[in-house]
Amino acid sequence: MDLEAGQVAVVTGAASGIGLALARRFAAEGLKVVLADVEPAALDKAAAELRDRGADVHARVVDVGVREQVVELADSAYEAYGAVHVLCNNAGVGSGAEGRMWEHEPNDWRWAFAVNVWGVFHGVQAFVPRMIASGAPGHVVNTSSGDGGIAPLPTASVYAVTKAAVVTLTESLYAHLRAEHARVSASVLFPGPHMLRTGLWESHRNRPGRYAKERPRRTPYRSLGQWEAAMRAAGRDIRFTPVEDVAGLVVAGIREDRFWMLPPSEHSDAQIRARARSMLDRANPSYLEDFILD
């Protein structure tokens, strides 16, 4: 679809990181933007910044893990603008899980799935029927990750499982939209190809009480800065992708109706080939060997 001035884009997780970069880029393209985020103060700041740049902004505090709040977001967006053309189901959290999978707290899984998987599903159900019914071109972008979407990072297995689910959900959505001959399409986004400076590392700051940790953590949460310092101290070079590059990938992908919003990367390509080869050869997953040896 063409992105044109006056169209409407909805972005969840829009107060920071990838979400804010997407909102800025859509606004720069002349779109009206609906910002949804669970953090009121950060959301107010993001909305004010965009309005100062001349953008037409509608902001709502939303926990995407709560279906009723996402439905209310859709009602509010259509009441404000009368249409939605782009939906970015972008909100995501890390789980805070520690240790081996059999040691994880169930609430770590419940919270991660509520936001990362149910949040996407809630967005699809709240917006897509209306987008189809309008008869106008539209596009849905669901944010996955190379961790899980391509191959799991076992040390972050809960997150990886949720992001693998997003890929399959979006593949199915794409097929359903094609079967309906809808003018709405779908894509799955893999931010990168390198690390990103986002608030995902501090997800715990917004963890709802209903998904509270059941026992104290054995180790403190590590910030991105602390992790980066540890990696550099170990002699490992860390590269970062600007979130603005991710937003550019999304805009180009929408215009080209590209399902796989996957930036070029030798590392990702090698992972894809290794995993596919393991499956085709009915061989054990040797691409996980580095983590098995840890």
C-alpha atoms as a PDB file:
ATOM      1  CA  MET A   1       0.000   0.000   0.000  1.00  0.00           C
ATOM      2  CA  ASP A   2       1.028   3.615  -0.424  1.00  0.00           C
ATOM      3  CA  LEU A   3       1.557   5.633   2.721  1.00  0.00           C
ATOM      4  CA  GLU A   4      -0.174   8.955   2.280  1.00  0.00           C
ATOM      5  CA  ALA A   5      -0.764  12.068   4.341  1.00  0.00           C
ATOM      6  CA  GLY A   6      -3.984  11.838   6.310  1.00  0.00           C
ATOM      7  CA  GLN A   7      -3.886   8.086   6.821  1.00  0.00           C
ATOM      8  CA  VAL A   8      -3.905   6.739  10.380  1.00  0.00           C
ATOM      9  CA  ALA A   9      -1.305   4.525  12.053  1.00  0.00           C
ATOM     10  CA  VAL A  10      -1.762   2.812  15.417  1.00  0.00           C
ATOM     11  CA  VAL A  11       1.373   1.813  17.327  1.00  0.00           C
ATOM     12  CA  THR A  12       1.476  -0.090  20.604  1.00  0.00           C
ATOM     13  CA  GLY A  13       4.501   0.186  22.868  1.00  0.00           C
ATOM     14  CA  ALA A  14       4.776   3.652  21.331  1.00  0.00           C
ATOM     15  CA  ALA A  15       6.295   5.659  24.179  1.00  0.00           C
ATOM     16  CA  SER A  16       9.883   4.564  23.600  1.00  0.00           C
ATOM     17  CA  GLY A  17      12.258   2.457  21.520  1.00  0.00           C
ATOM     18  CA  ILE A  18      11.012   0.944  18.279  1.00  0.00           C
ATOM     19  CA  GLY A  19       7.445   2.075  18.887  1.00  0.00           C
ATOM     20  CA  LEU A  20       8.394   5.731  19.254  1.00  0.00           C
ATOM     21  CA  ALA A  21      10.664   5.502  16.200  1.00  0.00           C
ATOM     22  CA  LEU A  22       7.742   4.095  14.200  1.00  0.00           C
ATOM     23  CA  ALA A  23       5.430   6.863  15.401  1.00  0.00           C
ATOM     24  CA  ARG A  24       7.989   9.527  14.477  1.00  0.00           C
ATOM     25  CA  ARG A  25       8.470   8.065  11.011  1.00  0.00           C
ATOM     26  CA  PHE A  26       4.750   7.719  10.321  1.00  0.00           C
ATOM     27  CA  ALA A  27       4.219  11.302  11.466  1.00  0.00           C
ATOM     28  CA  ALA A  28       7.042  12.440   9.179  1.00  0.00           C
ATOM     29  CA  GLU A  29       5.196  10.723   6.315  1.00  0.00           C
ATOM     30  CA  GLY A  30       2.131  12.819   7.139  1.00  0.00           C
ATOM     31  CA  LEU A  31       0.114  10.122   8.886  1.00  0.00           C
ATOM     32  CA  LYS A  32      -1.994  10.727  11.964  1.00  0.00           C
ATOM     33  CA  VAL A  33      -0.672   8.576  14.780  1.00  0.00           C
ATOM     34  CA  VAL A  34      -2.409   6.762  17.622  1.00  0.00           C
ATOM     35  CA  LEU A  35       0.043   6.042  20.414  1.00  0.00           C
ATOM     36  CA  ALA A  36      -0.647   3.289  22.940  1.00  0.00           C
ATOM     37  CA  ASP A  37       1.599   2.460  25.872  1.00  0.00           C
ATOM     38  CA  VAL A  38       1.330   1.197  29.425  1.00  0.00           C
ATOM     39  CA  GLU A  39       3.496   4.019  30.874  1.00  0.00           C
ATOM     40  CA  PRO A  40       1.458   7.234  31.298  1.00  0.00           C
ATOM     41  CA  ALA A  41       4.359   9.650  31.867  1.00  0.00           C
ATOM     42  CA  ALA A  42       6.434   8.318  28.973  1.00  0.00           C
ATOM     43  CA  LEU A  43       3.360   8.313  26.738  1.00  0.00           C
ATOM     44  CA  ASP A  44       2.582  11.952  27.566  1.00  0.00           C
ATOM     45  CA  LYS A  45       6.171  12.903  26.771  1.00  0.00           C
ATOM     46  CA  ALA A  46       6.135  11.056  23.425  1.00  0.00           C
ATOM     47  CA  ALA A  47       2.791  12.593  22.420  1.00  0.00           C
ATOM     48  CA  ALA A  48       3.975  16.094  23.345  1.00  0.00           C
ATOM     49  CA  GLU A  49       7.159  15.662  21.334  1.00  0.00           C
ATOM     50  CA  LEU A  50       5.252  14.589  18.225  1.00  0.00           C
ATOM     51  CA  ARG A  51       2.721  17.377  18.579  1.00  0.00           C
ATOM     52  CA  ASP A  52       5.579  19.873  18.848  1.00  0.00           C
ATOM     53  CA  ARG A  53       6.726  18.534  15.482  1.00  0.00           C
ATOM     54  CA  GLY A  54       3.310  19.247  14.026  1.00  0.00           C
ATOM     55  CA  ALA A  55       1.895  15.725  14.146  1.00  0.00           C
ATOM     56  CA  ASP A  56      -1.772  14.916  14.693  1.00  0.00           C
ATOM     57  CA  VAL A  57      -1.605  12.592  17.712  1.00  0.00           C
ATOM     58  CA  HIS A  58      -4.082  10.612  19.771  1.00  0.00           C
ATOM     59  CA  ALA A  59      -2.619   8.905  22.851  1.00  0.00           C
ATOM     60  CA  ARG A  60      -4.096   6.231  25.111  1.00  0.00           C
ATOM     61  CA  VAL A  61      -2.736   4.367  28.115  1.00  0.00           C
ATOM     62  CA  VAL A  62      -3.208   0.687  27.269  1.00  0.00           C
ATOM     63  CA  ASP A  63      -2.117  -2.662  28.680  1.00  0.00           C
ATOM     64  CA  VAL A  64      -2.273  -4.795  25.533  1.00  0.00           C
ATOM     65  CA  GLY A  65      -2.523  -7.928  27.674  1.00  0.00           C
ATOM     66  CA  VAL A  66      -6.027  -6.826  28.681  1.00  0.00           C
ATOM     67  CA  ARG A  67      -8.455  -7.439  25.840  1.00  0.00           C
ATOM     68  CA  GLU A  68     -10.963  -4.805  26.959  1.00  0.00           C
ATOM     69  CA  GLN A  69      -8.311  -2.097  26.889  1.00  0.00           C
ATOM     70  CA  VAL A  70      -7.292  -2.941  23.324  1.00  0.00           C
ATOM     71  CA  VAL A  71     -10.931  -2.930  22.196  1.00  0.00           C
ATOM     72  CA  GLU A  72     -11.314   0.473  23.874  1.00  0.00           C
ATOM     73  CA  LEU A  73      -8.178   1.624  22.032  1.00  0.00           C
ATOM     74  CA  ALA A  74      -9.748   0.643  18.711  1.00  0.00           C
ATOM     75  CA  ASP A  75     -13.033   2.351  19.599  1.00  0.00           C
ATOM     76  CA  SER A  76     -11.121   5.488  20.575  1.00  0.00           C
ATOM     77  CA  ALA A  77      -9.003   5.501  17.408  1.00  0.00           C
ATOM     78  CA  TYR A  78     -12.032   5.153  15.143  1.00  0.00           C
ATOM     79  CA  GLU A  79     -13.939   7.773  17.115  1.00  0.00           C
ATOM     80  CA  ALA A  80     -11.012  10.190  16.795  1.00  0.00           C
ATOM     81  CA  TYR A  81     -10.137   9.599  13.140  1.00  0.00           C
ATOM     82  CA  GLY A  82     -12.781   7.407  11.542  1.00  0.00           C
ATOM     83  CA  ALA A  83     -10.259   4.961  10.089  1.00  0.00           C
ATOM     84  CA  VAL A  84      -7.098   2.963  10.719  1.00  0.00           C
ATOM     85  CA  HIS A  85      -4.754   2.089   7.865  1.00  0.00           C
ATOM     86  CA  VAL A  86      -1.653   0.781   9.650  1.00  0.00           C
ATOM     87  CA  LEU A  87      -1.559  -1.300  12.826  1.00  0.00           C
ATOM     88  CA  CYS A  88       1.775  -2.023  14.518  1.00  0.00           C
ATOM     89  CA  ASN A  89       1.414  -4.602  17.294  1.00  0.00           C
ATOM     90  CA  ASN A  90       4.776  -3.716  18.762  1.00  0.00           C
ATOM     91  CA  ALA A  91       4.461  -3.778  22.566  1.00  0.00           C
ATOM     92  CA  GLY A  92       6.689  -6.402  24.166  1.00  0.00           C
ATOM     93  CA  VAL A  93       8.351  -7.408  27.418  1.00  0.00           C
ATOM     94  CA  GLY A  94      11.097  -9.656  28.661  1.00  0.00           C
ATOM     95  CA  SER A  95       9.943 -12.246  31.149  1.00  0.00           C
ATOM     96  CA  GLY A  96      12.375 -11.856  34.046  1.00  0.00           C
ATOM     97  CA  ALA A  97      12.753 -15.641  34.224  1.00  0.00           C
ATOM     98  CA  GLU A  98      15.907 -17.103  35.753  1.00  0.00           C
ATOM     99  CA  GLY A  99      17.641 -20.437  35.469  1.00  0.00           C
ATOM    100  CA  ARG A 100      16.534 -23.520  33.577  1.00  0.00           C
ATOM    101  CA  MET A 101      13.039 -23.829  32.164  1.00  0.00           C
ATOM    102  CA  TRP A 102      11.903 -26.206  34.892  1.00  0.00           C
ATOM    103  CA  GLU A 103      12.899 -23.574  37.456  1.00  0.00           C
ATOM    104  CA  HIS A 104      10.867 -20.746  35.912  1.00  0.00           C
ATOM    105  CA  GLU A 105       7.976 -19.170  37.734  1.00  0.00           C
ATOM    106  CA  PRO A 106       4.649 -19.638  35.926  1.00  0.00           C
ATOM    107  CA  ASN A 107       3.994 -15.905  36.265  1.00  0.00           C
ATOM    108  CA  ASP A 108       7.055 -15.197  34.097  1.00  0.00           C
ATOM    109  CA  TRP A 109       5.370 -17.125  31.288  1.00  0.00           C
ATOM    110  CA  ARG A 110       1.914 -15.689  31.966  1.00  0.00           C
ATOM    111  CA  TRP A 111       3.149 -12.102  31.771  1.00  0.00           C
ATOM    112  CA  ALA A 112       5.287 -12.588  28.653  1.00  0.00           C
ATOM    113  CA  PHE A 113       2.483 -14.372  26.831  1.00  0.00           C
ATOM    114  CA  ALA A 114      -0.110 -11.798  27.923  1.00  0.00           C
ATOM    115  CA  VAL A 115       1.835  -8.968  26.293  1.00  0.00           C
ATOM    116  CA  ASN A 116       3.870 -10.566  23.509  1.00  0.00           C
ATOM    117  CA  VAL A 117       1.292 -13.018  22.158  1.00  0.00           C
ATOM    118  CA  TRP A 118      -2.151 -12.159  23.510  1.00  0.00           C
ATOM    119  CA  GLY A 119      -1.380  -8.480  22.933  1.00  0.00           C
ATOM    120  CA  VAL A 120      -0.872  -9.157  19.226  1.00  0.00           C
ATOM    121  CA  PHE A 121      -4.004 -11.311  19.030  1.00  0.00           C
ATOM    122  CA  HIS A 122      -6.042  -8.651  20.837  1.00  0.00           C
ATOM    123  CA  GLY A 123      -4.819  -6.066  18.334  1.00  0.00           C
ATOM    124  CA  VAL A 124      -5.756  -8.265  15.399  1.00  0.00           C
ATOM    125  CA  GLN A 125      -9.264  -8.908  16.700  1.00  0.00           C
ATOM    126  CA  ALA A 126      -9.924  -5.313  17.731  1.00  0.00           C
ATOM    127  CA  PHE A 127      -8.738  -3.642  14.524  1.00  0.00           C
ATOM    128  CA  VAL A 128      -8.555  -6.002  11.542  1.00  0.00           C
ATOM    129  CA  PRO A 129     -12.309  -6.598  10.993  1.00  0.00           C
ATOM    130  CA  ARG A 130     -12.871  -2.845  10.791  1.00  0.00           C
ATOM    131  CA  MET A 131      -9.837  -2.364   8.559  1.00  0.00           C
ATOM    132  CA  ILE A 132     -11.178  -5.003   6.159  1.00  0.00           C
ATOM    133  CA  ALA A 133     -14.727  -3.640   6.253  1.00  0.00           C
ATOM    134  CA  SER A 134     -13.532  -0.155   5.273  1.00  0.00           C
ATOM    135  CA  GLY A 135     -12.412  -1.448   1.872  1.00  0.00           C
ATOM    136  CA  ALA A 136      -9.332   0.778   2.098  1.00  0.00           C
ATOM    137  CA  PRO A 137      -5.762  -0.508   1.805  1.00  0.00           C
ATOM    138  CA  GLY A 138      -4.277  -1.456   5.163  1.00  0.00           C
ATOM    139  CA  HIS A 139      -1.324  -3.193   6.734  1.00  0.00           C
ATOM    140  CA  VAL A 140      -0.624  -5.007  10.007  1.00  0.00           C
ATOM    141  CA  VAL A 141       2.946  -5.247  11.315  1.00  0.00           C
ATOM    142  CA  ASN A 142       3.627  -7.644  14.210  1.00  0.00           C
ATOM    143  CA  THR A 143       6.961  -7.351  15.990  1.00  0.00           C
ATOM    144  CA  SER A 144       8.864 -10.608  16.475  1.00  0.00           C
ATOM    145  CA  SER A 145      12.588 -11.101  17.115  1.00  0.00           C
ATOM    146  CA  GLY A 146      15.497 -13.120  15.795  1.00  0.00           C
ATOM    147  CA  ASP A 147      15.420 -14.670  19.281  1.00  0.00           C
ATOM    148  CA  GLY A 148      12.669 -17.193  18.713  1.00  0.00           C
ATOM    149  CA  GLY A 149      11.468 -15.903  15.381  1.00  0.00           C
ATOM    150  CA  ILE A 150      14.544 -17.410  13.733  1.00  0.00           C
ATOM    151  CA  ALA A 151      16.123 -19.580  16.421  1.00  0.00           C
ATOM    152  CA  PRO A 152      15.875 -19.457  20.205  1.00  0.00           C
ATOM    153  CA  LEU A 153      18.395 -17.953  22.546  1.00  0.00           C
ATOM    154  CA  PRO A 154      17.923 -20.560  25.288  1.00  0.00           C
ATOM    155  CA  THR A 155      19.070 -18.159  28.014  1.00  0.00           C
ATOM    156  CA  ALA A 156      15.990 -16.079  27.147  1.00  0.00           C
ATOM    157  CA  SER A 157      13.704 -18.975  26.362  1.00  0.00           C
ATOM    158  CA  VAL A 158      10.380 -17.505  27.532  1.00  0.00           C
ATOM    159  CA  TYR A 159      10.818 -14.466  25.309  1.00  0.00           C
ATOM    160  CA  ALA A 160      11.950 -16.703  22.441  1.00  0.00           C
ATOM    161  CA  VAL A 161       8.845 -18.877  22.688  1.00  0.00           C
ATOM    162  CA  THR A 162       6.555 -15.846  22.542  1.00  0.00           C
ATOM    163  CA  LYS A 163       8.348 -14.380  19.533  1.00  0.00           C
ATOM    164  CA  ALA A 164       8.201 -17.701  17.684  1.00  0.00           C
ATOM    165  CA  ALA A 165       4.447 -17.642  18.298  1.00  0.00           C
ATOM    166  CA  VAL A 166       4.214 -14.168  16.748  1.00  0.00           C
ATOM    167  CA  VAL A 167       5.754 -15.472  13.519  1.00  0.00           C
ATOM    168  CA  THR A 168       3.237 -18.305  13.198  1.00  0.00           C
ATOM    169  CA  LEU A 169       0.370 -16.019  14.179  1.00  0.00           C
ATOM    170  CA  THR A 170       1.367 -13.558  11.451  1.00  0.00           C
ATOM    171  CA  GLU A 171       1.832 -16.264   8.808  1.00  0.00           C
ATOM    172  CA  SER A 172      -1.685 -17.463   9.576  1.00  0.00           C
ATOM    173  CA  LEU A 173      -3.054 -13.921   9.531  1.00  0.00           C
ATOM    174  CA  TYR A 174      -1.447 -13.306   6.133  1.00  0.00           C
ATOM    175  CA  ALA A 175      -3.079 -16.449   4.721  1.00  0.00           C
ATOM    176  CA  HIS A 176      -6.474 -15.571   6.189  1.00  0.00           C
ATOM    177  CA  LEU A 177      -6.334 -12.063   4.721  1.00  0.00           C
ATOM    178  CA  ARG A 178      -5.434 -13.474   1.296  1.00  0.00           C
ATOM    179  CA  ALA A 179      -8.270 -16.005   1.516  1.00  0.00           C
ATOM    180  CA  GLU A 180     -10.697 -13.132   2.178  1.00  0.00           C
ATOM    181  CA  HIS A 181      -9.276 -11.148  -0.771  1.00  0.00           C
ATOM    182  CA  ALA A 182      -8.860  -8.302   1.695  1.00  0.00           C
ATOM    183  CA  ARG A 183      -7.040  -5.099   0.825  1.00  0.00           C
ATOM    184  CA  VAL A 184      -5.251  -5.487   4.169  1.00  0.00           C
ATOM    185  CA  SER A 185      -1.913  -7.287   4.308  1.00  0.00           C
ATOM    186  CA  ALA A 186       0.402  -8.409   7.102  1.00  0.00           C
ATOM    187  CA  SER A 187       4.105  -8.525   7.901  1.00  0.00           C
ATOM    188  CA  VAL A 188       6.327  -9.840  10.650  1.00  0.00           C
ATOM    189  CA  LEU A 189       9.109  -7.542  11.840  1.00  0.00           C
ATOM    190  CA  PHE A 190      12.546  -8.692  12.984  1.00  0.00           C
ATOM    191  CA  PRO A 191      14.234  -5.608  14.458  1.00  0.00           C
ATOM    192  CA  GLY A 192      17.953  -5.455  13.842  1.00  0.00           C
ATOM    193  CA  PRO A 193      20.204  -6.786  12.452  1.00  0.00           C
ATOM    194  CA  HIS A 194      22.157  -5.816  15.582  1.00  0.00           C
ATOM    195  CA  MET A 195      21.239  -5.099  19.193  1.00  0.00           C
ATOM    196  CA  LEU A 196      18.842  -2.247  19.892  1.00  0.00           C
ATOM    197  CA  ARG A 197      18.794   0.345  22.627  1.00  0.00           C
ATOM    198  CA  THR A 198      15.240  -0.043  23.894  1.00  0.00           C
ATOM    199  CA  GLY A 199      13.440  -0.294  27.210  1.00  0.00           C
ATOM    200  CA  LEU A 200      12.999  -4.059  26.857  1.00  0.00           C
ATOM    201  CA  TRP A 201      15.822  -4.603  29.341  1.00  0.00           C
ATOM    202  CA  GLU A 202      13.849  -2.717  31.990  1.00  0.00           C
ATOM    203  CA  SER A 203      10.484  -4.348  31.278  1.00  0.00           C
ATOM    204  CA  HIS A 204      10.135  -5.261  34.941  1.00  0.00           C
ATOM    205  CA  ARG A 205       9.378  -1.619  35.775  1.00  0.00           C
ATOM    206  CA  ASN A 206       5.894  -2.098  34.278  1.00  0.00           C
ATOM    207  CA  ARG A 207       5.157  -5.607  35.513  1.00  0.00           C
ATOM    208  CA  PRO A 208       1.529  -5.755  36.768  1.00  0.00           C
ATOM    209  CA  GLY A 209       0.806  -7.017  40.253  1.00  0.00           C
ATOM    210  CA  ARG A 210      -1.293  -9.858  38.879  1.00  0.00           C
ATOM    211  CA  TYR A 211       1.902 -11.283  37.359  1.00  0.00           C
ATOM    212  CA  ALA A 212       4.193 -10.466  40.277  1.00  0.00           C
ATOM    213  CA  LYS A 213       7.290 -12.527  40.970  1.00  0.00           C
ATOM    214  CA  GLU A 214       6.515 -15.316  43.404  1.00  0.00           C
ATOM    215  CA  ARG A 215       9.983 -15.314  44.978  1.00  0.00           C
ATOM    216  CA  PRO A 216      12.923 -12.900  45.084  1.00  0.00           C
ATOM    217  CA  ARG A 217      15.328 -12.982  42.148  1.00  0.00           C
ATOM    218  CA  ARG A 218      18.618 -14.744  42.740  1.00  0.00           C
ATOM    219  CA  THR A 219      20.429 -12.030  40.813  1.00  0.00           C
ATOM    220  CA  PRO A 220      19.531  -8.355  40.238  1.00  0.00           C
ATOM    221  CA  TYR A 221      18.040  -7.307  36.928  1.00  0.00           C
ATOM    222  CA  ARG A 222      20.797  -6.242  34.552  1.00  0.00           C
ATOM    223  CA  SER A 223      20.401  -3.026  32.578  1.00  0.00           C
ATOM    224  CA  LEU A 224      21.469  -2.722  28.958  1.00  0.00           C
ATOM    225  CA  GLY A 225      24.395  -0.572  30.042  1.00  0.00           C
ATOM    226  CA  GLN A 226      25.566  -3.180  32.529  1.00  0.00           C
ATOM    227  CA  TRP A 227      25.247  -5.964  29.961  1.00  0.00           C
ATOM    228  CA  GLU A 228      27.117  -3.933  27.368  1.00  0.00           C
ATOM    229  CA  ALA A 229      29.912  -3.182  29.831  1.00  0.00           C
ATOM    230  CA  ALA A 230      30.217  -6.867  30.739  1.00  0.00           C
ATOM    231  CA  MET A 231      30.393  -7.903  27.082  1.00  0.00           C
ATOM    232  CA  ARG A 232      33.067  -5.326  26.287  1.00  0.00           C
ATOM    233  CA  ALA A 233      35.048  -6.353  29.382  1.00  0.00           C
ATOM    234  CA  ALA A 234      34.957  -9.903  28.030  1.00  0.00           C
ATOM    235  CA  GLY A 235      36.405  -8.661  24.745  1.00  0.00           C
ATOM    236  CA  ARG A 236      33.195  -9.024  22.742  1.00  0.00           C
ATOM    237  CA  ASP A 237      32.362  -6.306  20.233  1.00  0.00           C
ATOM    238  CA  ILE A 238      28.740  -5.154  20.462  1.00  0.00           C
ATOM    239  CA  ARG A 239      27.015  -3.397  17.577  1.00  0.00           C
ATOM    240  CA  PHE A 240      23.725  -1.528  17.749  1.00  0.00           C
ATOM    241  CA  THR A 241      21.108  -0.786  15.104  1.00  0.00           C
ATOM    242  CA  PRO A 242      19.467   2.636  15.408  1.00  0.00           C
ATOM    243  CA  VAL A 243      15.732   2.319  16.008  1.00  0.00           C
ATOM    244  CA  GLU A 244      15.267   4.806  13.170  1.00  0.00           C
ATOM    245  CA  ASP A 245      16.638   2.166  10.786  1.00  0.00           C
ATOM    246  CA  VAL A 246      13.984  -0.272  12.002  1.00  0.00           C
ATOM    247  CA  ALA A 247      11.271   2.299  11.331  1.00  0.00           C
ATOM    248  CA  GLY A 248      12.654   2.820   7.852  1.00  0.00           C
ATOM    249  CA  LEU A 249      12.559  -0.926   7.218  1.00  0.00           C
ATOM    250  CA  VAL A 250       8.893  -1.001   8.247  1.00  0.00           C
ATOM    251  CA  VAL A 251       7.877   1.895   6.008  1.00  0.00           C
ATOM    252  CA  ALA A 252       9.664   0.347   3.023  1.00  0.00           C
ATOM    253  CA  GLY A 253       8.163  -3.056   3.811  1.00  0.00           C
ATOM    254  CA  ILE A 254       4.629  -1.684   3.929  1.00  0.00           C
ATOM    255  CA  ARG A 255       5.069   0.066   0.600  1.00  0.00           C
ATOM    256  CA  GLU A 256       6.462  -3.099  -0.996  1.00  0.00           C
ATOM    257  CA  ASP A 257       4.008  -5.465   0.756  1.00  0.00           C
ATOM    258  CA  ARG A 258       6.958  -7.416   2.114  1.00  0.00           C
ATOM    259  CA  PHE A 259       5.921 -10.138   4.570  1.00  0.00           C
ATOM    260  CA  TRP A 260       9.379 -10.789   6.016  1.00  0.00           C
ATOM    261  CA  MET A 261      10.635  -7.479   7.404  1.00  0.00           C
ATOM    262  CA  LEU A 262      14.007  -9.058   8.010  1.00  0.00           C
ATOM    263  CA  PRO A 263      17.114  -6.887   7.486  1.00  0.00           C
ATOM    264  CA  PRO A 264      20.093  -8.401   5.655  1.00  0.00           C
ATOM    265  CA  SER A 265      22.435 -10.159   8.076  1.00  0.00           C
ATOM    266  CA  GLU A 266      25.033 -12.871   7.592  1.00  0.00           C
ATOM    267  CA  HIS A 267      24.411 -14.048  11.157  1.00  0.00           C
ATOM    268  CA  SER A 268      20.639 -14.352  10.702  1.00  0.00           C
ATOM    269  CA  ASP A 269      21.042 -16.031   7.323  1.00  0.00           C
ATOM    270  CA  ALA A 270      23.436 -18.566   8.844  1.00  0.00           C
ATOM    271  CA  GLN A 271      20.970 -19.300  11.655  1.00  0.00           C
ATOM    272  CA  ILE A 272      18.119 -19.769   9.186  1.00  0.00           C
ATOM    273  CA  ARG A 273      20.173 -22.150   7.047  1.00  0.00           C
ATOM    274  CA  ALA A 274      21.433 -24.117  10.058  1.00  0.00           C
ATOM    275  CA  ARG A 275      17.957 -24.561  11.493  1.00  0.00           C
ATOM    276  CA  ALA A 276      16.425 -25.473   8.133  1.00  0.00           C
ATOM    277  CA  ARG A 277      19.253 -27.924   7.442  1.00  0.00           C
ATOM    278  CA  SER A 278      18.783 -29.546  10.845  1.00  0.00           C
ATOM    279  CA  MET A 279      15.097 -30.086  10.074  1.00  0.00           C
ATOM    280  CA  LEU A 280      15.647 -31.308   6.531  1.00  0.00           C
ATOM    281  CA  ASP A 281      18.358 -33.708   7.688  1.00  0.00           C
ATOM    282  CA  ARG A 282      16.305 -34.823  10.709  1.00  0.00           C
ATOM    283  CA  ALA A 283      19.445 -33.965  12.684  1.00  0.00           C
ATOM    284  CA  ASN A 284      19.808 -32.724  16.238  1.00  0.00           C
ATOM    285  CA  PRO A 285      19.909 -28.911  16.581  1.00  0.00           C
ATOM    286  CA  SER A 286      23.651 -28.303  16.452  1.00  0.00           C
ATOM    287  CA  TYR A 287      22.970 -24.576  16.032  1.00  0.00           C
ATOM    288  CA  LEU A 288      22.228 -24.558  19.789  1.00  0.00           C
ATOM    289  CA  GLU A 289      25.553 -26.181  20.635  1.00  0.00           C
ATOM    290  CA  ASP A 290      27.194 -23.016  21.973  1.00  0.00           C
ATOM    291  CA  PHE A 291      24.442 -22.702  24.550  1.00  0.00           C
ATOM    292  CA  ILE A 292      24.401 -26.408  25.400  1.00  0.00           C
ATOM    293  CA  LEU A 293      28.094 -26.168  26.247  1.00  0.00           C
ATOM    294  CA  ASP A 294      27.589 -23.175  28.582  1.00  0.00           C
END
